[in-house]
């Protein structure tokens, strides 16, 4: 197959390192989390290039422009040559804050939080997640 001919979307997502495995990419397509030009796609959808790709990895919606469809996985340095990242900065910030959470600061060895401390931590987390 020629390097720039039509390629299945699940192979492309794996090749440019948007998903770690091809099966994860295919499952995301089946769940409706991969959208091309405003329409959810199946894993077998053939792409040809210059299409807008939205990948929903909750809580973030990543946006890419498909520059050249490829079938074989490439290094992370080369992957930027095949997909242009159009993701807005506020979406990228969601990715950085998602896994961190606010657990509060405790000295090492101080033990578990008391009931009052857990309630306070819970209020902080609610405020953080609600954008206050």
C-alpha atoms as a PDB file:
ATOM      1  CA  UNK A   1       0.000   0.000   0.000  1.00  0.00           C
ATOM      2  CA  UNK A   2       1.304   3.449  -0.869  1.00  0.00           C
ATOM      3  CA  UNK A   3       2.294   5.678   2.031  1.00  0.00           C
ATOM      4  CA  UNK A   4      -0.387   8.329   1.347  1.00  0.00           C
ATOM      5  CA  UNK A   5      -3.382   6.298   0.133  1.00  0.00           C
ATOM      6  CA  UNK A   6      -6.614   5.918   2.115  1.00  0.00           C
ATOM      7  CA  UNK A   7      -6.140   4.336   5.560  1.00  0.00           C
ATOM      8  CA  UNK A   8      -8.533   3.003   8.196  1.00  0.00           C
ATOM      9  CA  UNK A   9      -9.126   5.513  10.995  1.00  0.00           C
ATOM     10  CA  UNK A  10      -8.263   3.038  13.773  1.00  0.00           C
ATOM     11  CA  UNK A  11      -4.883   2.323  12.168  1.00  0.00           C
ATOM     12  CA  UNK A  12      -4.238   6.039  11.738  1.00  0.00           C
ATOM     13  CA  UNK A  13      -5.070   6.844  15.385  1.00  0.00           C
ATOM     14  CA  UNK A  14      -2.649   4.148  16.490  1.00  0.00           C
ATOM     15  CA  UNK A  15       0.040   5.126  13.958  1.00  0.00           C
ATOM     16  CA  UNK A  16       0.207   8.785  15.031  1.00  0.00           C
ATOM     17  CA  UNK A  17       0.136   7.804  18.718  1.00  0.00           C
ATOM     18  CA  UNK A  18      -3.231   9.233  19.674  1.00  0.00           C
ATOM     19  CA  UNK A  19      -4.050   5.814  21.162  1.00  0.00           C
ATOM     20  CA  UNK A  20      -1.586   3.336  22.613  1.00  0.00           C
ATOM     21  CA  UNK A  21      -3.067   0.304  20.862  1.00  0.00           C
ATOM     22  CA  UNK A  22      -5.145  -0.213  17.772  1.00  0.00           C
ATOM     23  CA  UNK A  23      -7.838  -2.007  19.763  1.00  0.00           C
ATOM     24  CA  UNK A  24      -8.203   1.045  22.033  1.00  0.00           C
ATOM     25  CA  UNK A  25      -8.600   3.207  18.930  1.00  0.00           C
ATOM     26  CA  UNK A  26     -11.221   0.849  17.487  1.00  0.00           C
ATOM     27  CA  UNK A  27     -13.158   0.778  20.774  1.00  0.00           C
ATOM     28  CA  UNK A  28     -13.140   4.580  20.916  1.00  0.00           C
ATOM     29  CA  UNK A  29     -14.589   4.660  17.390  1.00  0.00           C
ATOM     30  CA  UNK A  30     -17.308   2.181  18.356  1.00  0.00           C
ATOM     31  CA  UNK A  31     -18.194   4.269  21.414  1.00  0.00           C
ATOM     32  CA  UNK A  32     -18.634   7.383  19.257  1.00  0.00           C
ATOM     33  CA  UNK A  33     -15.616   9.193  20.682  1.00  0.00           C
ATOM     34  CA  UNK A  34     -13.942   9.734  17.302  1.00  0.00           C
ATOM     35  CA  UNK A  35     -15.603  12.338  15.097  1.00  0.00           C
ATOM     36  CA  UNK A  36     -14.558  13.360  11.586  1.00  0.00           C
ATOM     37  CA  UNK A  37     -16.062  16.506  10.086  1.00  0.00           C
ATOM     38  CA  UNK A  38     -18.852  16.456  12.685  1.00  0.00           C
ATOM     39  CA  UNK A  39     -19.871  12.795  12.275  1.00  0.00           C
ATOM     40  CA  UNK A  40     -18.975   9.835  14.524  1.00  0.00           C
ATOM     41  CA  UNK A  41     -17.098   7.175  12.574  1.00  0.00           C
ATOM     42  CA  UNK A  42     -16.662   3.411  12.615  1.00  0.00           C
ATOM     43  CA  UNK A  43     -13.155   1.909  12.947  1.00  0.00           C
ATOM     44  CA  UNK A  44     -13.234   0.877   9.272  1.00  0.00           C
ATOM     45  CA  UNK A  45     -13.784   4.433   7.982  1.00  0.00           C
ATOM     46  CA  UNK A  46     -11.194   5.272   5.319  1.00  0.00           C
ATOM     47  CA  UNK A  47      -9.492   8.652   5.615  1.00  0.00           C
ATOM     48  CA  UNK A  48      -7.579  10.404   2.892  1.00  0.00           C
ATOM     49  CA  UNK A  49      -6.260  13.583   4.482  1.00  0.00           C
ATOM     50  CA  UNK A  50      -7.108  17.236   5.205  1.00  0.00           C
ATOM     51  CA  UNK A  51     -10.011  16.266   7.452  1.00  0.00           C
ATOM     52  CA  UNK A  52     -10.774  17.594  10.949  1.00  0.00           C
ATOM     53  CA  UNK A  53     -10.631  14.870  13.585  1.00  0.00           C
ATOM     54  CA  UNK A  54     -12.064  15.261  17.100  1.00  0.00           C
ATOM     55  CA  UNK A  55     -11.071  12.649  19.674  1.00  0.00           C
ATOM     56  CA  UNK A  56     -12.973  12.706  22.961  1.00  0.00           C
ATOM     57  CA  UNK A  57     -10.933  11.382  25.860  1.00  0.00           C
ATOM     58  CA  UNK A  58     -13.058  12.575  28.770  1.00  0.00           C
ATOM     59  CA  UNK A  59     -12.800  15.232  30.060  1.00  0.00           C
ATOM     60  CA  UNK A  60     -10.805  16.528  27.058  1.00  0.00           C
ATOM     61  CA  UNK A  61     -11.763  16.914  23.387  1.00  0.00           C
ATOM     62  CA  UNK A  62      -8.615  16.798  21.267  1.00  0.00           C
ATOM     63  CA  UNK A  63      -8.800  18.288  17.768  1.00  0.00           C
ATOM     64  CA  UNK A  64      -6.454  17.343  14.937  1.00  0.00           C
ATOM     65  CA  UNK A  65      -6.154  18.007  11.218  1.00  0.00           C
ATOM     66  CA  UNK A  66      -5.170  14.899   9.294  1.00  0.00           C
ATOM     67  CA  UNK A  67      -2.252  15.944   7.107  1.00  0.00           C
ATOM     68  CA  UNK A  68      -1.152  12.628   5.591  1.00  0.00           C
ATOM     69  CA  UNK A  69      -2.763   9.278   6.377  1.00  0.00           C
ATOM     70  CA  UNK A  70      -0.262   6.614   7.397  1.00  0.00           C
ATOM     71  CA  UNK A  71      -0.728   2.976   8.277  1.00  0.00           C
ATOM     72  CA  UNK A  72       2.498   2.118  10.091  1.00  0.00           C
ATOM     73  CA  UNK A  73       3.313   3.429  13.539  1.00  0.00           C
ATOM     74  CA  UNK A  74       5.954   6.155  13.647  1.00  0.00           C
ATOM     75  CA  UNK A  75       7.987   7.717  16.440  1.00  0.00           C
ATOM     76  CA  UNK A  76       6.500  10.557  18.460  1.00  0.00           C
ATOM     77  CA  UNK A  77       8.862  13.026  16.790  1.00  0.00           C
ATOM     78  CA  UNK A  78       7.642  12.017  13.336  1.00  0.00           C
ATOM     79  CA  UNK A  79       3.961  11.771  14.289  1.00  0.00           C
ATOM     80  CA  UNK A  80       3.621  15.575  14.262  1.00  0.00           C
ATOM     81  CA  UNK A  81       4.281  15.496  10.507  1.00  0.00           C
ATOM     82  CA  UNK A  82       1.093  13.497   9.934  1.00  0.00           C
ATOM     83  CA  UNK A  83      -1.377  15.224  12.287  1.00  0.00           C
ATOM     84  CA  UNK A  84      -1.630  18.911  13.158  1.00  0.00           C
ATOM     85  CA  UNK A  85      -2.793  19.554  16.717  1.00  0.00           C
ATOM     86  CA  UNK A  86      -5.619  22.138  16.747  1.00  0.00           C
ATOM     87  CA  UNK A  87      -6.679  21.537  20.353  1.00  0.00           C
ATOM     88  CA  UNK A  88      -7.502  24.816  22.168  1.00  0.00           C
ATOM     89  CA  UNK A  89      -5.385  25.694  25.201  1.00  0.00           C
ATOM     90  CA  UNK A  90      -8.312  25.461  27.638  1.00  0.00           C
ATOM     91  CA  UNK A  91      -8.867  21.825  26.582  1.00  0.00           C
ATOM     92  CA  UNK A  92      -5.173  21.034  27.102  1.00  0.00           C
ATOM     93  CA  UNK A  93      -5.390  22.505  30.605  1.00  0.00           C
ATOM     94  CA  UNK A  94      -8.218  20.091  31.416  1.00  0.00           C
ATOM     95  CA  UNK A  95      -5.844  17.218  30.654  1.00  0.00           C
ATOM     96  CA  UNK A  96      -3.197  18.508  33.040  1.00  0.00           C
ATOM     97  CA  UNK A  97      -5.637  19.062  35.914  1.00  0.00           C
ATOM     98  CA  UNK A  98      -7.732  15.934  35.452  1.00  0.00           C
ATOM     99  CA  UNK A  99      -5.509  13.397  37.190  1.00  0.00           C
ATOM    100  CA  UNK A 100      -4.107  15.663  39.863  1.00  0.00           C
ATOM    101  CA  UNK A 101      -7.123  16.301  42.085  1.00  0.00           C
ATOM    102  CA  UNK A 102      -6.852  18.231  45.305  1.00  0.00           C
ATOM    103  CA  UNK A 103      -6.208  15.829  48.122  1.00  0.00           C
ATOM    104  CA  UNK A 104      -4.966  18.438  50.567  1.00  0.00           C
ATOM    105  CA  UNK A 105      -1.564  18.565  52.175  1.00  0.00           C
ATOM    106  CA  UNK A 106      -0.664  16.234  55.015  1.00  0.00           C
ATOM    107  CA  UNK A 107       2.642  15.719  56.686  1.00  0.00           C
ATOM    108  CA  UNK A 108       4.123  12.333  56.031  1.00  0.00           C
ATOM    109  CA  UNK A 109       3.061   9.881  58.699  1.00  0.00           C
ATOM    110  CA  UNK A 110       0.199  12.077  59.953  1.00  0.00           C
ATOM    111  CA  UNK A 111      -2.282   9.267  59.271  1.00  0.00           C
ATOM    112  CA  UNK A 112      -5.696   9.369  57.702  1.00  0.00           C
ATOM    113  CA  UNK A 113      -7.712  12.568  57.650  1.00  0.00           C
ATOM    114  CA  UNK A 114     -10.354  13.066  60.325  1.00  0.00           C
ATOM    115  CA  UNK A 115     -14.017  13.301  59.394  1.00  0.00           C
ATOM    116  CA  UNK A 116     -13.865  17.105  59.558  1.00  0.00           C
ATOM    117  CA  UNK A 117     -10.743  17.165  57.356  1.00  0.00           C
ATOM    118  CA  UNK A 118     -12.394  14.827  54.815  1.00  0.00           C
ATOM    119  CA  UNK A 119     -15.375  17.178  54.555  1.00  0.00           C
ATOM    120  CA  UNK A 120     -13.063  20.138  53.984  1.00  0.00           C
ATOM    121  CA  UNK A 121     -11.133  18.236  51.319  1.00  0.00           C
ATOM    122  CA  UNK A 122     -14.434  17.261  49.689  1.00  0.00           C
ATOM    123  CA  UNK A 123     -15.517  20.924  49.560  1.00  0.00           C
ATOM    124  CA  UNK A 124     -12.195  21.874  47.936  1.00  0.00           C
ATOM    125  CA  UNK A 125     -12.609  19.161  45.335  1.00  0.00           C
ATOM    126  CA  UNK A 126     -16.202  20.218  44.589  1.00  0.00           C
ATOM    127  CA  UNK A 127     -15.113  23.833  44.162  1.00  0.00           C
ATOM    128  CA  UNK A 128     -12.230  22.770  41.925  1.00  0.00           C
ATOM    129  CA  UNK A 129     -14.388  20.578  39.682  1.00  0.00           C
ATOM    130  CA  UNK A 130     -17.175  23.164  39.470  1.00  0.00           C
ATOM    131  CA  UNK A 131     -14.720  25.858  38.360  1.00  0.00           C
ATOM    132  CA  UNK A 132     -15.084  28.137  41.383  1.00  0.00           C
END
